């Protein structure tokens, strides 16, 4: 349903490091970068190489929590996201588990990113 999303962040480079480190197991990588005034805008992709997740400089001091879910290829990738987050000292909102209230086979981990957003890695099962 979604083509792409841009998230305003306080520090693009710090957020880039967070997302690349935390979501490496699902194939997240930087694929585009361009200048935007005195800052940069960075496009990230999954294994398909299409920049569908963008980190952009904040335009003001106010932020509202977003929820972003990134698709994982299997449960092991979700667990690897959790492990990377714990190693980095990231706040874990919900450790990896099945969420049958969403649908059978829904397996996800929920984290807090550097700007307070609720970010998730999810595998939808077979």
PDB file of N, CA and C in Angstrom:
ATOM      1  N   UNK A   1       0.812  -1.188   0.000  1.00  0.00           N
ATOM      2  CA  UNK A   1       0.000   0.000   0.000  1.00  0.00           C
ATOM      3  C   UNK A   1       0.858   1.255   0.000  1.00  0.00           C
ATOM      4  N   UNK A   2       1.883   1.328   0.825  1.00  0.00           N
ATOM      5  CA  UNK A   2       2.737   2.512   0.881  1.00  0.00           C
ATOM      6  C   UNK A   2       3.831   2.440  -0.177  1.00  0.00           C
ATOM      7  N   UNK A   3       4.102   3.578  -0.792  1.00  0.00           N
ATOM      8  CA  UNK A   3       5.193   3.664  -1.750  1.00  0.00           C
ATOM      9  C   UNK A   3       6.480   4.056  -1.042  1.00  0.00           C
ATOM     10  N   UNK A   4       6.407   5.091  -0.203  1.00  0.00           N
ATOM     11  CA  UNK A   4       7.571   5.510   0.582  1.00  0.00           C
ATOM     12  C   UNK A   4       7.097   6.368   1.750  1.00  0.00           C
ATOM     13  N   UNK A   5       8.002   6.568   2.706  1.00  0.00           N
ATOM     14  CA  UNK A   5       7.706   7.402   3.864  1.00  0.00           C
ATOM     15  C   UNK A   5       8.957   8.192   4.218  1.00  0.00           C
ATOM     16  N   UNK A   6       8.756   9.433   4.603  1.00  0.00           N
ATOM     17  CA  UNK A   6       9.844  10.274   5.081  1.00  0.00           C
ATOM     18  C   UNK A   6       9.616  10.600   6.538  1.00  0.00           C
ATOM     19  N   UNK A   7      10.662  10.470   7.339  1.00  0.00           N
ATOM     20  CA  UNK A   7      10.565  10.724   8.770  1.00  0.00           C
ATOM     21  C   UNK A   7      11.500  11.865   9.121  1.00  0.00           C
ATOM     22  N   UNK A   8      10.954  12.891   9.755  1.00  0.00           N
ATOM     23  CA  UNK A   8      11.794  13.988  10.218  1.00  0.00           C
ATOM     24  C   UNK A   8      12.534  13.546  11.478  1.00  0.00           C
ATOM     25  N   UNK A   9      13.847  13.786  11.497  1.00  0.00           N
ATOM     26  CA  UNK A   9      14.682  13.391  12.625  1.00  0.00           C
ATOM     27  C   UNK A   9      15.556  14.565  13.045  1.00  0.00           C
ATOM     28  N   UNK A  10      15.950  14.571  14.307  1.00  0.00           N
ATOM     29  CA  UNK A  10      16.779  15.656  14.838  1.00  0.00           C
ATOM     30  C   UNK A  10      18.180  15.629  14.251  1.00  0.00           C
ATOM     31  N   UNK A  11      18.732  14.445  14.014  1.00  0.00           N
ATOM     32  CA  UNK A  11      20.097  14.295  13.515  1.00  0.00           C
ATOM     33  C   UNK A  11      20.102  13.164  12.485  1.00  0.00           C
ATOM     34  N   UNK A  12      20.163  13.524  11.212  1.00  0.00           N
ATOM     35  CA  UNK A  12      20.069  12.527  10.143  1.00  0.00           C
ATOM     36  C   UNK A  12      21.181  11.490  10.253  1.00  0.00           C
ATOM     37  N   UNK A  13      22.417  11.928  10.462  1.00  0.00           N
ATOM     38  CA  UNK A  13      23.537  10.974  10.524  1.00  0.00           C
ATOM     39  C   UNK A  13      23.404  10.017  11.702  1.00  0.00           C
ATOM     40  N   UNK A  14      23.007  10.520  12.872  1.00  0.00           N
ATOM     41  CA  UNK A  14      22.830   9.646  14.043  1.00  0.00           C
ATOM     42  C   UNK A  14      21.682   8.661  13.801  1.00  0.00           C
ATOM     43  N   UNK A  15      20.590   9.141  13.219  1.00  0.00           N
ATOM     44  CA  UNK A  15      19.465   8.251  12.930  1.00  0.00           C
ATOM     45  C   UNK A  15      19.836   7.225  11.870  1.00  0.00           C
ATOM     46  N   UNK A  16      20.603   7.647  10.865  1.00  0.00           N
ATOM     47  CA  UNK A  16      21.079   6.715   9.842  1.00  0.00           C
ATOM     48  C   UNK A  16      21.876   5.589  10.484  1.00  0.00           C
ATOM     49  N   UNK A  17      22.802   5.934  11.373  1.00  0.00           N
ATOM     50  CA  UNK A  17      23.610   4.914  12.052  1.00  0.00           C
ATOM     51  C   UNK A  17      22.717   3.966  12.853  1.00  0.00           C
ATOM     52  N   UNK A  18      21.722   4.507  13.553  1.00  0.00           N
ATOM     53  CA  UNK A  18      20.793   3.686  14.329  1.00  0.00           C
ATOM     54  C   UNK A  18      20.068   2.688  13.435  1.00  0.00           C
ATOM     55  N   UNK A  19      19.464   3.163  12.355  1.00  0.00           N
ATOM     56  CA  UNK A  19      18.671   2.284  11.490  1.00  0.00           C
ATOM     57  C   UNK A  19      19.535   1.248  10.779  1.00  0.00           C
ATOM     58  N   UNK A  20      20.709   1.647  10.298  1.00  0.00           N
ATOM     59  CA  UNK A  20      21.580   0.686   9.615  1.00  0.00           C
ATOM     60  C   UNK A  20      22.060  -0.402  10.569  1.00  0.00           C
ATOM     61  N   UNK A  21      22.421  -0.015  11.779  1.00  0.00           N
ATOM     62  CA  UNK A  21      22.898  -0.978  12.775  1.00  0.00           C
ATOM     63  C   UNK A  21      21.766  -1.894  13.236  1.00  0.00           C
ATOM     64  N   UNK A  22      20.626  -1.316  13.544  1.00  0.00           N
ATOM     65  CA  UNK A  22      19.529  -2.075  14.138  1.00  0.00           C
ATOM     66  C   UNK A  22      18.828  -2.985  13.137  1.00  0.00           C
ATOM     67  N   UNK A  23      18.641  -2.514  11.911  1.00  0.00           N
ATOM     68  CA  UNK A  23      17.869  -3.261  10.930  1.00  0.00           C
ATOM     69  C   UNK A  23      18.722  -3.882   9.827  1.00  0.00           C
ATOM     70  N   UNK A  24      19.996  -4.085  10.088  1.00  0.00           N
ATOM     71  CA  UNK A  24      20.884  -4.722   9.100  1.00  0.00           C
ATOM     72  C   UNK A  24      20.396  -6.121   8.726  1.00  0.00           C
ATOM     73  N   UNK A  25      19.841  -6.838   9.677  1.00  0.00           N
ATOM     74  CA  UNK A  25      19.433  -8.223   9.415  1.00  0.00           C
ATOM     75  C   UNK A  25      18.274  -8.337   8.436  1.00  0.00           C
ATOM     76  N   UNK A  26      17.559  -7.251   8.192  1.00  0.00           N
ATOM     77  CA  UNK A  26      16.479  -7.303   7.201  1.00  0.00           C
ATOM     78  C   UNK A  26      16.927  -6.683   5.877  1.00  0.00           C
ATOM     79  N   UNK A  27      18.221  -6.390   5.774  1.00  0.00           N
ATOM     80  CA  UNK A  27      18.770  -5.899   4.521  1.00  0.00           C
ATOM     81  C   UNK A  27      18.679  -4.402   4.325  1.00  0.00           C
ATOM     82  N   UNK A  28      18.408  -3.633   5.382  1.00  0.00           N
ATOM     83  CA  UNK A  28      18.308  -2.185   5.244  1.00  0.00           C
ATOM     84  C   UNK A  28      19.672  -1.602   4.912  1.00  0.00           C
ATOM     85  N   UNK A  29      19.679  -0.709   3.911  1.00  0.00           N
ATOM     86  CA  UNK A  29      20.935  -0.059   3.535  1.00  0.00           C
ATOM     87  C   UNK A  29      20.651   1.308   2.921  1.00  0.00           C
ATOM     88  N   UNK A  30      21.661   2.168   2.956  1.00  0.00           N
ATOM     89  CA  UNK A  30      21.563   3.483   2.326  1.00  0.00           C
ATOM     90  C   UNK A  30      21.725   3.318   0.824  1.00  0.00           C
ATOM     91  N   UNK A  31      20.801   3.925   0.050  1.00  0.00           N
ATOM     92  CA  UNK A  31      20.900   3.837  -1.404  1.00  0.00           C
ATOM     93  C   UNK A  31      20.905   5.200  -2.085  1.00  0.00           C
ATOM     94  N   UNK A  32      20.515   6.247  -1.376  1.00  0.00           N
ATOM     95  CA  UNK A  32      20.537   7.590  -1.941  1.00  0.00           C
ATOM     96  C   UNK A  32      20.867   8.598  -0.853  1.00  0.00           C
ATOM     97  N   UNK A  33      21.474   9.705  -1.294  1.00  0.00           N
ATOM     98  CA  UNK A  33      21.798  10.794  -0.377  1.00  0.00           C
ATOM     99  C   UNK A  33      21.895  12.066  -1.205  1.00  0.00           C
ATOM    100  N   UNK A  34      21.294  13.133  -0.710  1.00  0.00           N
ATOM    101  CA  UNK A  34      21.468  14.413  -1.378  1.00  0.00           C
ATOM    102  C   UNK A  34      21.388  15.544  -0.361  1.00  0.00           C
ATOM    103  N   UNK A  35      21.987  16.664  -0.738  1.00  0.00           N
ATOM    104  CA  UNK A  35      22.010  17.841   0.130  1.00  0.00           C
ATOM    105  C   UNK A  35      20.637  18.489   0.186  1.00  0.00           C
ATOM    106  N   UNK A  36      20.347  19.031   1.349  1.00  0.00           N
ATOM    107  CA  UNK A  36      19.104  19.762   1.568  1.00  0.00           C
ATOM    108  C   UNK A  36      19.461  20.948   2.458  1.00  0.00           C
ATOM    109  N   UNK A  37      19.805  22.064   1.839  1.00  0.00           N
ATOM    110  CA  UNK A  37      20.293  23.200   2.611  1.00  0.00           C
ATOM    111  C   UNK A  37      21.623  22.840   3.243  1.00  0.00           C
ATOM    112  N   UNK A  38      21.719  23.016   4.557  1.00  0.00           N
ATOM    113  CA  UNK A  38      22.942  22.673   5.284  1.00  0.00           C
ATOM    114  C   UNK A  38      22.962  21.230   5.768  1.00  0.00           C
ATOM    115  N   UNK A  39      21.931  20.480   5.459  1.00  0.00           N
ATOM    116  CA  UNK A  39      21.808  19.106   5.944  1.00  0.00           C
ATOM    117  C   UNK A  39      21.764  18.142   4.761  1.00  0.00           C
ATOM    118  N   UNK A  40      21.462  16.882   5.066  1.00  0.00           N
ATOM    119  CA  UNK A  40      21.310  15.863   4.028  1.00  0.00           C
ATOM    120  C   UNK A  40      19.983  15.135   4.216  1.00  0.00           C
ATOM    121  N   UNK A  41      19.527  14.568   3.121  1.00  0.00           N
ATOM    122  CA  UNK A  41      18.377  13.670   3.117  1.00  0.00           C
ATOM    123  C   UNK A  41      18.922  12.325   2.665  1.00  0.00           C
ATOM    124  N   UNK A  42      18.527  11.256   3.360  1.00  0.00           N
ATOM    125  CA  UNK A  42      19.048   9.928   3.060  1.00  0.00           C
ATOM    126  C   UNK A  42      17.893   8.978   2.768  1.00  0.00           C
ATOM    127  N   UNK A  43      18.014   8.237   1.668  1.00  0.00           N
ATOM    128  CA  UNK A  43      17.036   7.220   1.298  1.00  0.00           C
ATOM    129  C   UNK A  43      17.575   5.845   1.609  1.00  0.00           C
ATOM    130  N   UNK A  44      16.788   5.055   2.325  1.00  0.00           N
ATOM    131  CA  UNK A  44      17.171   3.692   2.669  1.00  0.00           C
ATOM    132  C   UNK A  44      16.251   2.714   1.972  1.00  0.00           C
ATOM    133  N   UNK A  45      16.778   1.516   1.739  1.00  0.00           N
ATOM    134  CA  UNK A  45      15.980   0.476   1.091  1.00  0.00           C
ATOM    135  C   UNK A  45      16.177  -0.837   1.821  1.00  0.00           C
ATOM    136  N   UNK A  46      15.365  -1.778   1.426  1.00  0.00           N
ATOM    137  CA  UNK A  46      15.544  -3.163   1.824  1.00  0.00           C
ATOM    138  C   UNK A  46      16.271  -3.872   0.705  1.00  0.00           C
ATOM    139  N   UNK A  47      16.158  -5.183   0.634  1.00  0.00           N
ATOM    140  CA  UNK A  47      16.855  -5.965  -0.387  1.00  0.00           C
ATOM    141  C   UNK A  47      16.512  -5.578  -1.830  1.00  0.00           C
ATOM    142  N   UNK A  48      15.354  -4.957  -2.051  1.00  0.00           N
ATOM    143  CA  UNK A  48      14.963  -4.600  -3.421  1.00  0.00           C
ATOM    144  C   UNK A  48      15.714  -3.390  -3.974  1.00  0.00           C
ATOM    145  N   UNK A  49      16.420  -2.643  -3.120  1.00  0.00           N
ATOM    146  CA  UNK A  49      17.195  -1.493  -3.575  1.00  0.00           C
ATOM    147  C   UNK A  49      16.387  -0.244  -3.852  1.00  0.00           C
ATOM    148  N   UNK A  50      15.088  -0.255  -3.584  1.00  0.00           N
ATOM    149  CA  UNK A  50      14.225   0.906  -3.830  1.00  0.00           C
ATOM    150  C   UNK A  50      14.172   1.761  -2.561  1.00  0.00           C
ATOM    151  N   UNK A  51      14.536   3.049  -2.651  1.00  0.00           N
ATOM    152  CA  UNK A  51      14.532   3.897  -1.458  1.00  0.00           C
ATOM    153  C   UNK A  51      13.113   4.240  -1.026  1.00  0.00           C
ATOM    154  N   UNK A  52      12.591   3.472  -0.109  1.00  0.00           N
ATOM    155  CA  UNK A  52      11.214   3.684   0.333  1.00  0.00           C
ATOM    156  C   UNK A  52      11.127   4.263   1.741  1.00  0.00           C
ATOM    157  N   UNK A  53      12.251   4.379   2.427  1.00  0.00           N
ATOM    158  CA  UNK A  53      12.297   4.947   3.777  1.00  0.00           C
ATOM    159  C   UNK A  53      13.316   6.074   3.772  1.00  0.00           C
ATOM    160  N   UNK A  54      12.850   7.292   4.077  1.00  0.00           N
ATOM    161  CA  UNK A  54      13.683   8.484   3.982  1.00  0.00           C
ATOM    162  C   UNK A  54      13.856   9.143   5.346  1.00  0.00           C
ATOM    163  N   UNK A  55      15.084   9.538   5.641  1.00  0.00           N
ATOM    164  CA  UNK A  55      15.394  10.318   6.836  1.00  0.00           C
ATOM    165  C   UNK A  55      15.646  11.745   6.389  1.00  0.00           C
ATOM    166  N   UNK A  56      14.867  12.674   6.937  1.00  0.00           N
ATOM    167  CA  UNK A  56      14.962  14.076   6.541  1.00  0.00           C
ATOM    168  C   UNK A  56      15.150  14.937   7.782  1.00  0.00           C
ATOM    169  N   UNK A  57      15.824  16.084   7.633  1.00  0.00           N
ATOM    170  CA  UNK A  57      16.024  16.954   8.793  1.00  0.00           C
ATOM    171  C   UNK A  57      14.692  17.494   9.316  1.00  0.00           C
ATOM    172  N   UNK A  58      14.593  17.609  10.623  1.00  0.00           N
ATOM    173  CA  UNK A  58      13.388  18.157  11.252  1.00  0.00           C
ATOM    174  C   UNK A  58      13.200  19.608  10.837  1.00  0.00           C
ATOM    175  N   UNK A  59      11.953  19.990  10.654  1.00  0.00           N
ATOM    176  CA  UNK A  59      11.655  21.372  10.269  1.00  0.00           C
ATOM    177  C   UNK A  59      11.262  22.228  11.463  1.00  0.00           C
ATOM    178  N   UNK A  60      11.149  21.633  12.615  1.00  0.00           N
ATOM    179  CA  UNK A  60      10.783  22.376  13.823  1.00  0.00           C
ATOM    180  C   UNK A  60      11.085  21.558  15.055  1.00  0.00           C
ATOM    181  N   UNK A  61      10.862  22.137  16.223  1.00  0.00           N
ATOM    182  CA  UNK A  61      11.215  21.443  17.474  1.00  0.00           C
ATOM    183  C   UNK A  61      10.210  20.381  17.902  1.00  0.00           C
ATOM    184  N   UNK A  62       8.997  20.423  17.357  1.00  0.00           N
ATOM    185  CA  UNK A  62       7.952  19.510  17.795  1.00  0.00           C
ATOM    186  C   UNK A  62       7.952  18.227  16.979  1.00  0.00           C
ATOM    187  N   UNK A  63       7.789  17.110  17.655  1.00  0.00           N
ATOM    188  CA  UNK A  63       7.707  15.821  16.965  1.00  0.00           C
ATOM    189  C   UNK A  63       6.534  15.039  17.529  1.00  0.00           C
ATOM    190  N   UNK A  64       5.930  14.242  16.690  1.00  0.00           N
ATOM    191  CA  UNK A  64       4.853  13.352  17.122  1.00  0.00           C
ATOM    192  C   UNK A  64       5.284  11.926  16.818  1.00  0.00           C
ATOM    193  N   UNK A  65       4.984  11.031  17.727  1.00  0.00           N
ATOM    194  CA  UNK A  65       5.396   9.638  17.559  1.00  0.00           C
ATOM    195  C   UNK A  65       4.764   9.010  16.324  1.00  0.00           C
ATOM    196  N   UNK A  66       5.608   8.345  15.549  1.00  0.00           N
ATOM    197  CA  UNK A  66       5.164   7.546  14.416  1.00  0.00           C
ATOM    198  C   UNK A  66       5.343   6.078  14.766  1.00  0.00           C
ATOM    199  N   UNK A  67       4.608   5.232  14.082  1.00  0.00           N
ATOM    200  CA  UNK A  67       4.860   3.796  14.169  1.00  0.00           C
ATOM    201  C   UNK A  67       5.256   3.330  12.777  1.00  0.00           C
ATOM    202  N   UNK A  68       6.443   2.729  12.668  1.00  0.00           N
ATOM    203  CA  UNK A  68       6.954   2.218  11.406  1.00  0.00           C
ATOM    204  C   UNK A  68       7.252   0.743  11.574  1.00  0.00           C
ATOM    205  N   UNK A  69       6.767  -0.069  10.649  1.00  0.00           N
ATOM    206  CA  UNK A  69       7.040  -1.501  10.693  1.00  0.00           C
ATOM    207  C   UNK A  69       7.801  -1.899   9.432  1.00  0.00           C
ATOM    208  N   UNK A  70       8.932  -2.560   9.628  1.00  0.00           N
ATOM    209  CA  UNK A  70       9.761  -3.032   8.529  1.00  0.00           C
ATOM    210  C   UNK A  70       9.614  -4.540   8.424  1.00  0.00           C
ATOM    211  N   UNK A  71       9.366  -5.026   7.217  1.00  0.00           N
ATOM    212  CA  UNK A  71       9.135  -6.452   6.987  1.00  0.00           C
ATOM    213  C   UNK A  71      10.446  -7.225   7.063  1.00  0.00           C
ATOM    214  N   UNK A  72      10.429  -8.306   7.805  1.00  0.00           N
ATOM    215  CA  UNK A  72      11.576  -9.211   7.932  1.00  0.00           C
ATOM    216  C   UNK A  72      11.300 -10.486   7.151  1.00  0.00           C
ATOM    217  N   UNK A  73      12.361 -11.149   6.716  1.00  0.00           N
ATOM    218  CA  UNK A  73      12.209 -12.355   5.899  1.00  0.00           C
ATOM    219  C   UNK A  73      11.851 -13.591   6.714  1.00  0.00           C
ATOM    220  N   UNK A  74      12.138 -13.566   8.011  1.00  0.00           N
ATOM    221  CA  UNK A  74      11.824 -14.704   8.870  1.00  0.00           C
ATOM    222  C   UNK A  74      11.962 -14.291  10.332  1.00  0.00           C
ATOM    223  N   UNK A  75      11.649 -15.211  11.239  1.00  0.00           N
ATOM    224  CA  UNK A  75      11.738 -14.936  12.677  1.00  0.00           C
ATOM    225  C   UNK A  75      13.163 -14.644  13.124  1.00  0.00           C
ATOM    226  N   UNK A  76      14.125 -15.327  12.497  1.00  0.00           N
ATOM    227  CA  UNK A  76      15.528 -15.112  12.868  1.00  0.00           C
ATOM    228  C   UNK A  76      15.945 -13.671  12.616  1.00  0.00           C
ATOM    229  N   UNK A  77      15.467 -13.087  11.528  1.00  0.00           N
ATOM    230  CA  UNK A  77      15.786 -11.687  11.230  1.00  0.00           C
ATOM    231  C   UNK A  77      15.169 -10.762  12.279  1.00  0.00           C
ATOM    232  N   UNK A  78      13.950 -11.048  12.721  1.00  0.00           N
ATOM    233  CA  UNK A  78      13.324 -10.260  13.789  1.00  0.00           C
ATOM    234  C   UNK A  78      14.160 -10.369  15.064  1.00  0.00           C
ATOM    235  N   UNK A  79      14.561 -11.588  15.403  1.00  0.00           N
ATOM    236  CA  UNK A  79      15.391 -11.789  16.594  1.00  0.00           C
ATOM    237  C   UNK A  79      16.728 -11.058  16.469  1.00  0.00           C
ATOM    238  N   UNK A  80      17.304 -11.030  15.271  1.00  0.00           N
ATOM    239  CA  UNK A  80      18.574 -10.333  15.053  1.00  0.00           C
ATOM    240  C   UNK A  80      18.406  -8.826  15.225  1.00  0.00           C
ATOM    241  N   UNK A  81      17.267  -8.276  14.809  1.00  0.00           N
ATOM    242  CA  UNK A  81      16.989  -6.854  15.042  1.00  0.00           C
ATOM    243  C   UNK A  81      16.955  -6.599  16.546  1.00  0.00           C
ATOM    244  N   UNK A  82      16.269  -7.450  17.280  1.00  0.00           N
ATOM    245  CA  UNK A  82      16.205  -7.319  18.739  1.00  0.00           C
ATOM    246  C   UNK A  82      17.601  -7.384  19.350  1.00  0.00           C
ATOM    247  N   UNK A  83      18.404  -8.344  18.935  1.00  0.00           N
ATOM    248  CA  UNK A  83      19.760  -8.498  19.467  1.00  0.00           C
ATOM    249  C   UNK A  83      20.605  -7.262  19.200  1.00  0.00           C
ATOM    250  N   UNK A  84      20.510  -6.717  17.982  1.00  0.00           N
ATOM    251  CA  UNK A  84      21.271  -5.508  17.641  1.00  0.00           C
ATOM    252  C   UNK A  84      20.822  -4.333  18.504  1.00  0.00           C
ATOM    253  N   UNK A  85      19.526  -4.228  18.732  1.00  0.00           N
ATOM    254  CA  UNK A  85      18.999  -3.140  19.554  1.00  0.00           C
ATOM    255  C   UNK A  85      19.484  -3.252  20.993  1.00  0.00           C
ATOM    256  N   UNK A  86      19.411  -4.442  21.563  1.00  0.00           N
ATOM    257  CA  UNK A  86      19.856  -4.653  22.946  1.00  0.00           C
ATOM    258  C   UNK A  86      21.351  -4.352  23.070  1.00  0.00           C
ATOM    259  N   UNK A  87      22.138  -4.822  22.115  1.00  0.00           N
ATOM    260  CA  UNK A  87      23.584  -4.567  22.131  1.00  0.00           C
ATOM    261  C   UNK A  87      23.884  -3.077  22.121  1.00  0.00           C
ATOM    262  N   UNK A  88      23.084  -2.304  21.384  1.00  0.00           N
ATOM    263  CA  UNK A  88      23.301  -0.855  21.267  1.00  0.00           C
ATOM    264  C   UNK A  88      22.665  -0.063  22.408  1.00  0.00           C
ATOM    265  N   UNK A  89      21.938  -0.735  23.295  1.00  0.00           N
ATOM    266  CA  UNK A  89      21.287  -0.036  24.394  1.00  0.00           C
ATOM    267  C   UNK A  89      19.991   0.648  24.010  1.00  0.00           C
ATOM    268  N   UNK A  90      19.395   0.219  22.922  1.00  0.00           N
ATOM    269  CA  UNK A  90      18.127   0.778  22.454  1.00  0.00           C
ATOM    270  C   UNK A  90      16.992   0.329  23.361  1.00  0.00           C
ATOM    271  N   UNK A  91      16.030   1.210  23.600  1.00  0.00           N
ATOM    272  CA  UNK A  91      14.866   0.858  24.401  1.00  0.00           C
ATOM    273  C   UNK A  91      14.006  -0.154  23.637  1.00  0.00           C
ATOM    274  N   UNK A  92      13.753  -1.274  24.263  1.00  0.00           N
ATOM    275  CA  UNK A  92      12.894  -2.305  23.678  1.00  0.00           C
ATOM    276  C   UNK A  92      11.502  -2.126  24.277  1.00  0.00           C
ATOM    277  N   UNK A  93      10.542  -1.816  23.429  1.00  0.00           N
ATOM    278  CA  UNK A  93       9.166  -1.636  23.893  1.00  0.00           C
ATOM    279  C   UNK A  93       8.493  -2.989  24.113  1.00  0.00           C
ATOM    280  N   UNK A  94       8.707  -3.909  23.173  1.00  0.00           N
ATOM    281  CA  UNK A  94       8.156  -5.264  23.283  1.00  0.00           C
ATOM    282  C   UNK A  94       9.163  -6.221  22.642  1.00  0.00           C
ATOM    283  N   UNK A  95       9.674  -7.164  23.420  1.00  0.00           N
ATOM    284  CA  UNK A  95      10.604  -8.167  22.908  1.00  0.00           C
ATOM    285  C   UNK A  95       9.899  -9.020  21.841  1.00  0.00           C
ATOM    286  N   UNK A  96      10.684  -9.706  21.013  1.00  0.00           N
ATOM    287  CA  UNK A  96      10.077 -10.517  19.953  1.00  0.00           C
ATOM    288  C   UNK A  96       9.125 -11.572  20.511  1.00  0.00           C
ATOM    289  N   UNK A  97       7.963 -11.637  19.879  1.00  0.00           N
ATOM    290  CA  UNK A  97       6.977 -12.655  20.244  1.00  0.00           C
ATOM    291  C   UNK A  97       5.909 -12.691  19.169  1.00  0.00           C
ATOM    292  N   UNK A  98       5.063 -13.702  19.259  1.00  0.00           N
ATOM    293  CA  UNK A  98       3.892 -13.761  18.377  1.00  0.00           C
ATOM    294  C   UNK A  98       2.836 -12.808  18.911  1.00  0.00           C
ATOM    295  N   UNK A  99       2.136 -12.200  17.982  1.00  0.00           N
ATOM    296  CA  UNK A  99       1.034 -11.295  18.301  1.00  0.00           C
ATOM    297  C   UNK A  99      -0.230 -11.858  17.640  1.00  0.00           C
ATOM    298  N   UNK A 100      -0.854 -12.895  18.235  1.00  0.00           N
ATOM    299  CA  UNK A 100      -2.010 -13.534  17.599  1.00  0.00           C
ATOM    300  C   UNK A 100      -3.203 -12.603  17.469  1.00  0.00           C
ATOM    301  N   UNK A 101      -3.244 -11.534  18.259  1.00  0.00           N
ATOM    302  CA  UNK A 101      -4.353 -10.592  18.133  1.00  0.00           C
ATOM    303  C   UNK A 101      -4.309  -9.839  16.800  1.00  0.00           C
ATOM    304  N   UNK A 102      -3.131  -9.806  16.152  1.00  0.00           N
ATOM    305  CA  UNK A 102      -3.018  -9.184  14.823  1.00  0.00           C
ATOM    306  C   UNK A 102      -3.392 -10.196  13.749  1.00  0.00           C
ATOM    307  N   UNK A 103      -2.751 -11.357  13.765  1.00  0.00           N
ATOM    308  CA  UNK A 103      -3.133 -12.502  12.939  1.00  0.00           C
ATOM    309  C   UNK A 103      -2.201 -13.656  13.272  1.00  0.00           C
ATOM    310  N   UNK A 104      -2.609 -14.896  13.016  1.00  0.00           N
ATOM    311  CA  UNK A 104      -1.740 -16.041  13.293  1.00  0.00           C
ATOM    312  C   UNK A 104      -0.424 -15.915  12.526  1.00  0.00           C
ATOM    313  N   UNK A 105       0.681 -16.167  13.216  1.00  0.00           N
ATOM    314  CA  UNK A 105       1.996 -16.111  12.598  1.00  0.00           C
ATOM    315  C   UNK A 105       2.661 -14.742  12.646  1.00  0.00           C
ATOM    316  N   UNK A 106       1.969 -13.704  13.152  1.00  0.00           N
ATOM    317  CA  UNK A 106       2.552 -12.358  13.242  1.00  0.00           C
ATOM    318  C   UNK A 106       3.609 -12.389  14.350  1.00  0.00           C
ATOM    319  N   UNK A 107       4.859 -12.137  13.981  1.00  0.00           N
ATOM    320  CA  UNK A 107       5.974 -12.199  14.928  1.00  0.00           C
ATOM    321  C   UNK A 107       6.737 -10.891  14.815  1.00  0.00           C
ATOM    322  N   UNK A 108       6.801 -10.125  15.899  1.00  0.00           N
ATOM    323  CA  UNK A 108       7.430  -8.819  15.817  1.00  0.00           C
ATOM    324  C   UNK A 108       8.151  -8.398  17.071  1.00  0.00           C
ATOM    325  N   UNK A 109       9.033  -7.406  16.894  1.00  0.00           N
ATOM    326  CA  UNK A 109       9.735  -6.732  17.979  1.00  0.00           C
ATOM    327  C   UNK A 109       9.483  -5.236  17.802  1.00  0.00           C
ATOM    328  N   UNK A 110       9.270  -4.542  18.905  1.00  0.00           N
ATOM    329  CA  UNK A 110       8.976  -3.104  18.885  1.00  0.00           C
ATOM    330  C   UNK A 110      10.056  -2.371  19.678  1.00  0.00           C
ATOM    331  N   UNK A 111      10.581  -1.294  19.086  1.00  0.00           N
ATOM    332  CA  UNK A 111      11.690  -0.543  19.663  1.00  0.00           C
ATOM    333  C   UNK A 111      11.387   0.952  19.662  1.00  0.00           C
ATOM    334  N   UNK A 112      12.172   1.728  20.378  1.00  0.00           N
ATOM    335  CA  UNK A 112      12.074   3.182  20.383  1.00  0.00           C
ATOM    336  C   UNK A 112      13.311   3.719  19.671  1.00  0.00           C
ATOM    337  N   UNK A 113      13.134   4.510  18.607  1.00  0.00           N
ATOM    338  CA  UNK A 113      14.294   5.065  17.904  1.00  0.00           C
ATOM    339  C   UNK A 113      14.795   6.331  18.602  1.00  0.00           C
ATOM    340  N   UNK A 114      15.798   6.977  18.032  1.00  0.00           N
ATOM    341  CA  UNK A 114      16.437   8.130  18.663  1.00  0.00           C
ATOM    342  C   UNK A 114      15.522   9.336  18.804  1.00  0.00           C
ATOM    343  N   UNK A 115      14.476   9.413  17.991  1.00  0.00           N
ATOM    344  CA  UNK A 115      13.551  10.538  18.043  1.00  0.00           C
ATOM    345  C   UNK A 115      12.231  10.174  18.714  1.00  0.00           C
ATOM    346  N   UNK A 116      12.181   9.015  19.363  1.00  0.00           N
ATOM    347  CA  UNK A 116      10.999   8.617  20.107  1.00  0.00           C
ATOM    348  C   UNK A 116       9.953   7.868  19.311  1.00  0.00           C
ATOM    349  N   UNK A 117      10.273   7.510  18.065  1.00  0.00           N
ATOM    350  CA  UNK A 117       9.326   6.771  17.235  1.00  0.00           C
ATOM    351  C   UNK A 117       9.305   5.289  17.621  1.00  0.00           C
ATOM    352  N   UNK A 118       8.147   4.673  17.466  1.00  0.00           N
ATOM    353  CA  UNK A 118       7.949   3.243  17.719  1.00  0.00           C
ATOM    354  C   UNK A 118       8.237   2.520  16.417  1.00  0.00           C
ATOM    355  N   UNK A 119       9.365   1.801  16.370  1.00  0.00           N
ATOM    356  CA  UNK A 119       9.770   1.099  15.151  1.00  0.00           C
ATOM    357  C   UNK A 119       9.752  -0.401  15.386  1.00  0.00           C
ATOM    358  N   UNK A 120       9.376  -1.124  14.358  1.00  0.00           N
ATOM    359  CA  UNK A 120       9.115  -2.551  14.491  1.00  0.00           C
ATOM    360  C   UNK A 120       9.768  -3.322  13.345  1.00  0.00           C
ATOM    361  N   UNK A 121      10.197  -4.531  13.657  1.00  0.00           N
ATOM    362  CA  UNK A 121      10.540  -5.518  12.624  1.00  0.00           C
ATOM    363  C   UNK A 121       9.492  -6.610  12.757  1.00  0.00           C
ATOM    364  N   UNK A 122       8.894  -7.018  11.623  1.00  0.00           N
ATOM    365  CA  UNK A 122       7.805  -7.981  11.668  1.00  0.00           C
ATOM    366  C   UNK A 122       7.963  -9.030  10.593  1.00  0.00           C
ATOM    367  N   UNK A 123       7.646 -10.259  10.971  1.00  0.00           N
ATOM    368  CA  UNK A 123       7.554 -11.374  10.034  1.00  0.00           C
ATOM    369  C   UNK A 123       6.116 -11.869  10.102  1.00  0.00           C
ATOM    370  N   UNK A 124       5.485 -12.034   8.947  1.00  0.00           N
ATOM    371  CA  UNK A 124       4.074 -12.404   8.909  1.00  0.00           C
ATOM    372  C   UNK A 124       3.818 -13.900   8.847  1.00  0.00           C
ATOM    373  N   UNK A 125       4.850 -14.705   8.984  1.00  0.00           N
ATOM    374  CA  UNK A 125       4.647 -16.141   9.007  1.00  0.00           C
ATOM    375  C   UNK A 125       4.488 -16.720   7.617  1.00  0.00           C
ATOM    376  N   UNK A 126       4.367 -18.026   7.604  1.00  0.00           N
ATOM    377  CA  UNK A 126       4.254 -18.731   6.318  1.00  0.00           C
ATOM    378  C   UNK A 126       2.829 -18.789   5.826  1.00  0.00           C
TER     379      UNK A 126
END
